[in-house]
Amino acid sequence: MSGLVNGLIYAMIALGLSIIYGVMDLINFAHGEFVMLAMYFVFWFVSFLGVDQTLAFLPLLPIFFLFGVLIYYGMLNRTMGTPLSQIALMMGVAMIIRSFVQIVGGTAPKGLPSSFMFGILNIGAFTITYSRLATALVSVALLIIIHLFLTRTYTGLSMLAASDDKTAAYLMGVNVKRVYALAFGIGLALVTIPAAFLMTYQHADPSSYVRFGLLSWCIVALAGLGSISGIVPAAIIVGIAESLVVTFVAPEAHVLPIYLLFILVIWLKPKGLFGRK
């Protein structure tokens, strides 16, 4: 149960990265930093406004969306089609975010008082906190909403069309630049939701970008680069493997199964478990 819940949470963290790569073919090396930055913003919003952690993502969604659109039109638009420039640019953005967090927030971890979801739920022999359960349920709802958006709306279908063949999409009347800006904005906005719910039981830490970034990339690679539908099963596999190692081996080895699975799948199936041929 712990692995299943953690896997659903990991899927929500990796979702924005998968959309950005799947639509734009962009390697966003700053994804972990954006998650960390969103957690710090949640801390500041809760500290100054007094709202609950679980509601802090509401004002952050439009802020991060606009931030993503501005980054695309201001910088990324000039580097599309040049992967090395994109990598250098996003690594530069990542370093700016790290420096900003340490200058403004300091180096000490930032925690918040207990959310209104504080408590423990007993299900037979299993025990789970309300905060983790709520985070997992929100993850399921978010994944369903994104799936419906991509498959049932004109904008979502335009994003999928641009991801398959941007030239053909352009010839069919799709504004590819606008689609890319929307994809990057949505990808950044989506990190605010897991950030808000993670702050119900975790601290905002200036080094957490390493865990979130590498974890997200491992899940995206396991699912198959660009495979949004494969994010959930890949994340659940990672969550269960991590929980088994923590329970039966040692808590300190929790990252070991993640990278072992990553190496094994890339070795045996380079396109990922659910990647398209």
Protein backbone atom coordinates (compact mmCIF):
# COMPACT_ATOMS: atom_id res chain seq x y z
CA MET A 1 0.00 0.00 0.00
CA SER A 2 2.83 2.39 0.80
CA GLY A 3 4.42 1.70 -2.58
CA LEU A 4 1.13 2.24 -4.41
CA VAL A 5 0.48 5.55 -2.66
CA ASN A 6 4.06 6.75 -3.19
CA GLY A 7 3.89 5.69 -6.83
CA LEU A 8 0.78 7.80 -7.44
CA ILE A 9 2.50 10.77 -5.79
CA TYR A 10 5.59 10.24 -7.96
CA ALA A 11 3.38 10.11 -11.06
CA MET A 12 1.98 13.54 -10.23
CA ILE A 13 5.52 14.93 -9.79
CA ALA A 14 6.69 13.51 -13.13
CA LEU A 15 3.57 14.47 -15.11
CA GLY A 16 4.67 18.01 -15.99
CA LEU A 17 8.07 16.77 -17.15
CA SER A 18 6.43 14.13 -19.35
CA ILE A 19 4.15 16.70 -21.01
CA ILE A 20 7.05 19.07 -21.74
CA TYR A 21 9.22 16.33 -23.23
CA GLY A 22 6.36 14.58 -25.02
CA VAL A 23 5.06 17.72 -26.75
CA MET A 24 8.21 19.83 -27.17
CA ASP A 25 10.94 17.17 -27.26
CA LEU A 26 12.68 19.37 -24.70
CA ILE A 27 15.02 18.03 -22.03
CA ASN A 28 14.03 20.09 -18.98
CA PHE A 29 16.96 19.67 -16.62
CA ALA A 30 15.39 22.21 -14.25
CA HIS A 31 12.29 20.14 -13.42
CA GLY A 32 13.51 19.19 -9.94
CA GLU A 33 14.38 22.82 -9.25
CA PHE A 34 10.88 23.96 -10.28
CA VAL A 35 9.32 21.44 -7.88
CA MET A 36 11.61 22.69 -5.11
CA LEU A 37 10.80 26.32 -5.95
CA ALA A 38 7.06 25.57 -5.84
CA MET A 39 7.47 23.99 -2.38
CA TYR A 40 9.21 27.15 -1.13
CA PHE A 41 6.44 29.31 -2.57
CA VAL A 42 3.90 27.12 -0.77
CA PHE A 43 5.84 27.68 2.46
CA TRP A 44 5.87 31.47 1.94
CA PHE A 45 2.18 31.61 0.99
CA VAL A 46 1.11 29.58 4.01
CA SER A 47 3.40 31.52 6.35
CA PHE A 48 2.20 34.98 5.25
CA LEU A 49 -1.42 34.32 4.29
CA GLY A 50 -2.30 31.63 6.82
CA VAL A 51 -4.02 29.32 4.30
CA ASP A 52 -3.76 25.54 4.47
CA GLN A 53 -1.01 23.86 2.48
CA THR A 54 -3.50 21.99 0.32
CA LEU A 55 -4.98 25.27 -0.98
CA ALA A 56 -1.69 27.07 -1.64
CA PHE A 57 -1.43 25.74 -5.19
CA LEU A 58 -4.50 27.74 -6.32
CA PRO A 59 -2.72 31.12 -6.60
CA LEU A 60 0.50 29.41 -7.72
CA LEU A 61 -1.06 27.68 -10.76
CA PRO A 62 -1.48 30.88 -12.84
CA ILE A 63 1.84 32.30 -11.58
CA PHE A 64 3.86 29.27 -12.68
CA PHE A 65 1.89 28.98 -15.92
CA LEU A 66 2.73 32.57 -16.86
CA PHE A 67 6.32 31.98 -15.74
CA GLY A 68 6.54 29.01 -18.13
CA VAL A 69 5.04 30.97 -21.04
CA LEU A 70 7.50 33.83 -20.46
CA ILE A 71 10.45 31.43 -20.33
CA TYR A 72 9.37 29.88 -23.62
CA TYR A 73 8.84 33.14 -25.53
CA GLY A 74 11.80 34.86 -23.90
CA MET A 75 14.41 32.09 -24.20
CA LEU A 76 13.33 28.64 -25.37
CA ASN A 77 11.72 29.86 -28.58
CA ARG A 78 15.20 30.85 -29.78
CA THR A 79 16.71 27.44 -29.07
CA MET A 80 14.10 25.03 -30.49
CA GLY A 81 15.84 22.48 -32.69
CA THR A 82 19.21 22.95 -30.97
CA PRO A 83 19.34 20.40 -28.11
CA LEU A 84 22.73 21.50 -26.74
CA SER A 85 21.55 25.10 -26.42
CA GLN A 86 18.37 23.91 -24.69
CA ILE A 87 20.36 21.82 -22.21
CA ALA A 88 22.70 24.72 -21.44
CA LEU A 89 19.76 27.12 -21.08
CA MET A 90 17.77 24.89 -18.72
CA MET A 91 20.85 24.12 -16.63
CA GLY A 92 21.37 27.87 -16.32
CA VAL A 93 17.75 28.33 -15.22
CA ALA A 94 18.25 25.51 -12.69
CA MET A 95 21.30 27.22 -11.19
CA ILE A 96 19.42 30.53 -10.94
CA ILE A 97 16.56 28.83 -9.07
CA ARG A 98 18.97 27.11 -6.65
CA SER A 99 20.73 30.41 -5.92
CA PHE A 100 17.41 32.25 -5.50
CA VAL A 101 16.11 29.67 -3.02
CA GLN A 102 19.29 29.76 -0.93
CA ILE A 103 19.48 33.58 -0.92
CA VAL A 104 15.81 34.18 -0.08
CA GLY A 105 14.99 31.05 1.90
CA GLY A 106 18.34 30.21 3.44
CA THR A 107 19.92 26.78 3.66
CA ALA A 108 17.84 25.38 6.54
CA PRO A 109 14.82 23.15 5.68
CA LYS A 110 11.43 24.86 5.89
CA GLY A 111 8.49 23.04 7.46
CA LEU A 112 4.87 23.98 8.08
CA PRO A 113 2.39 23.22 10.88
CA SER A 114 0.17 20.22 10.43
CA SER A 115 -2.49 20.46 7.75
CA PHE A 116 -6.17 19.92 8.50
CA MET A 117 -5.61 16.44 7.01
CA PHE A 118 -3.48 15.47 10.00
CA GLY A 119 -4.24 11.97 11.26
CA ILE A 120 -3.85 8.26 10.59
CA LEU A 121 -6.24 5.91 8.81
CA ASN A 122 -6.27 2.21 9.69
CA ILE A 123 -7.42 -0.18 6.96
CA GLY A 124 -7.24 -3.66 8.39
CA ALA A 125 -3.57 -4.38 9.02
CA PHE A 126 -2.48 -1.34 7.01
CA THR A 127 -1.86 2.16 8.32
CA ILE A 128 -1.63 5.28 6.19
CA THR A 129 -1.65 8.98 6.97
CA TYR A 130 -4.53 11.11 5.70
CA SER A 131 -2.08 13.50 4.03
CA ARG A 132 -0.46 10.79 1.89
CA LEU A 133 -3.82 9.26 1.02
CA ALA A 134 -5.21 12.66 0.00
CA THR A 135 -2.11 13.33 -2.10
CA ALA A 136 -2.54 10.00 -3.90
CA LEU A 137 -6.24 10.66 -4.58
CA VAL A 138 -5.47 14.15 -5.91
CA SER A 139 -2.84 12.57 -8.15
CA VAL A 140 -5.40 10.17 -9.64
CA ALA A 141 -7.86 13.03 -10.24
CA LEU A 142 -5.17 15.20 -11.83
CA LEU A 143 -4.01 12.41 -14.14
CA ILE A 144 -7.59 11.78 -15.29
CA ILE A 145 -8.14 15.50 -15.93
CA ILE A 146 -4.93 15.78 -17.98
CA HIS A 147 -5.85 12.65 -19.97
CA LEU A 148 -9.28 14.08 -20.79
CA PHE A 149 -7.74 17.45 -21.68
CA LEU A 150 -5.27 15.88 -24.10
CA THR A 151 -7.76 13.54 -25.76
CA ARG A 152 -11.07 15.44 -25.68
CA THR A 153 -10.21 19.10 -26.32
CA TYR A 154 -8.97 20.87 -29.44
CA THR A 155 -6.01 22.36 -27.57
CA GLY A 156 -5.01 18.98 -26.15
CA LEU A 157 -5.30 17.28 -29.53
CA SER A 158 -3.23 20.08 -31.06
CA MET A 159 -0.52 19.40 -28.49
CA LEU A 160 -0.55 15.68 -29.33
CA ALA A 161 -0.47 16.47 -33.05
CA ALA A 162 2.52 18.78 -32.60
CA SER A 163 4.31 16.10 -30.60
CA ASP A 164 3.81 13.52 -33.38
CA ASP A 165 4.75 15.71 -36.36
CA LYS A 166 5.10 19.47 -35.93
CA THR A 167 5.33 20.07 -39.70
CA ALA A 168 2.09 18.22 -40.40
CA ALA A 169 0.41 19.97 -37.46
CA TYR A 170 1.53 23.34 -38.83
CA LEU A 171 0.12 22.48 -42.27
CA MET A 172 -3.20 21.56 -40.63
CA GLY A 173 -3.46 25.02 -39.09
CA VAL A 174 -1.97 24.39 -35.65
CA ASN A 175 0.03 27.29 -34.21
CA VAL A 176 3.00 25.20 -33.09
CA LYS A 177 4.74 28.00 -31.19
CA ARG A 178 1.60 28.71 -29.19
CA VAL A 179 1.19 24.98 -28.49
CA TYR A 180 4.78 24.78 -27.23
CA ALA A 181 4.25 27.81 -24.99
CA LEU A 182 1.07 26.22 -23.57
CA ALA A 183 2.85 22.90 -23.02
CA PHE A 184 5.72 24.51 -21.12
CA GLY A 185 3.35 26.68 -19.11
CA ILE A 186 1.15 23.71 -18.21
CA GLY A 187 4.20 21.60 -17.38
CA LEU A 188 5.42 24.19 -14.89
CA ALA A 189 1.97 24.89 -13.47
CA LEU A 190 1.46 21.20 -12.71
CA VAL A 191 4.43 21.09 -10.31
CA THR A 192 2.58 23.40 -7.91
CA ILE A 193 -0.05 20.75 -7.07
CA PRO A 194 2.32 18.01 -5.84
CA ALA A 195 4.44 20.71 -4.16
CA ALA A 196 1.46 21.88 -2.09
CA PHE A 197 0.49 18.38 -0.98
CA LEU A 198 4.09 17.32 -0.35
CA MET A 199 4.36 20.17 2.15
CA THR A 200 1.69 18.47 4.31
CA TYR A 201 4.25 15.86 5.36
CA GLN A 202 7.66 16.99 4.04
CA HIS A 203 10.04 19.92 4.37
CA ALA A 204 11.15 22.31 1.67
CA ASP A 205 14.87 21.71 1.39
CA PRO A 206 17.39 23.49 -0.91
CA SER A 207 18.85 20.11 -1.95
CA SER A 208 15.52 18.38 -2.70
CA TYR A 209 15.81 19.24 -6.40
CA VAL A 210 18.23 16.32 -6.80
CA ARG A 211 15.71 13.74 -5.64
CA PHE A 212 12.73 15.18 -7.51
CA GLY A 213 14.65 15.76 -10.73
CA LEU A 214 16.31 12.36 -10.97
CA LEU A 215 13.18 10.56 -9.76
CA SER A 216 11.05 12.26 -12.43
CA TRP A 217 13.49 11.49 -15.21
CA CYS A 218 13.73 7.84 -14.17
CA ILE A 219 9.93 7.50 -14.23
CA VAL A 220 9.64 9.24 -17.61
CA ALA A 221 12.37 7.02 -19.06
CA LEU A 222 10.76 3.87 -17.62
CA ALA A 223 7.39 4.85 -19.07
CA GLY A 224 8.95 5.66 -22.43
CA LEU A 225 10.06 9.15 -23.35
CA GLY A 226 6.96 11.08 -24.33
CA SER A 227 4.53 8.40 -23.11
CA ILE A 228 2.12 10.23 -20.81
CA SER A 229 -0.18 7.21 -20.38
CA GLY A 230 2.74 5.10 -19.15
CA ILE A 231 3.60 7.48 -16.31
CA VAL A 232 1.19 5.89 -13.78
CA PRO A 233 2.29 2.22 -14.10
CA ALA A 234 5.96 3.23 -14.27
CA ALA A 235 5.64 5.39 -11.14
CA ILE A 236 3.77 2.64 -9.26
CA ILE A 237 6.51 0.13 -10.16
CA VAL A 238 9.11 2.57 -8.79
CA GLY A 239 7.05 3.22 -5.64
CA ILE A 240 6.55 -0.46 -4.83
CA ALA A 241 10.19 -1.33 -5.50
CA GLU A 242 11.31 1.52 -3.25
CA SER A 243 8.96 0.46 -0.43
CA LEU A 244 10.10 -3.16 -0.59
CA VAL A 245 13.76 -2.17 -0.31
CA VAL A 246 13.03 0.26 2.55
CA THR A 247 11.07 -2.44 4.42
CA PHE A 248 13.27 -5.49 3.85
CA VAL A 249 16.76 -4.06 3.21
CA ALA A 250 17.42 -0.61 4.69
CA PRO A 251 15.81 2.85 4.56
CA GLU A 252 19.12 4.32 3.43
CA ALA A 253 18.93 2.25 0.23
CA HIS A 254 15.61 3.73 -0.95
CA VAL A 255 17.12 5.19 -4.15
CA LEU A 256 18.86 1.93 -5.11
CA PRO A 257 15.87 0.15 -6.75
CA ILE A 258 14.91 3.28 -8.69
CA TYR A 259 18.20 3.46 -10.57
CA LEU A 260 18.59 -0.31 -10.86
CA LEU A 261 15.17 -0.49 -12.53
CA PHE A 262 16.09 2.45 -14.73
CA ILE A 263 19.36 0.83 -15.89
CA LEU A 264 17.70 -2.57 -16.40
CA VAL A 265 14.82 -1.24 -18.48
CA ILE A 266 17.04 1.03 -20.60
CA TRP A 267 19.36 -1.92 -21.18
CA LEU A 268 16.64 -4.39 -22.16
CA LYS A 269 14.07 -2.00 -23.66
CA PRO A 270 15.58 1.36 -24.63
CA LYS A 271 12.22 2.86 -25.64
CA GLY A 272 10.86 2.26 -22.13
CA LEU A 273 8.14 -0.05 -20.89
CA PHE A 274 5.32 1.76 -22.67
CA GLY A 275 7.12 3.74 -25.35
CA ARG A 276 5.72 3.85 -28.85
CA LYS A 277 7.64 2.15 -31.64
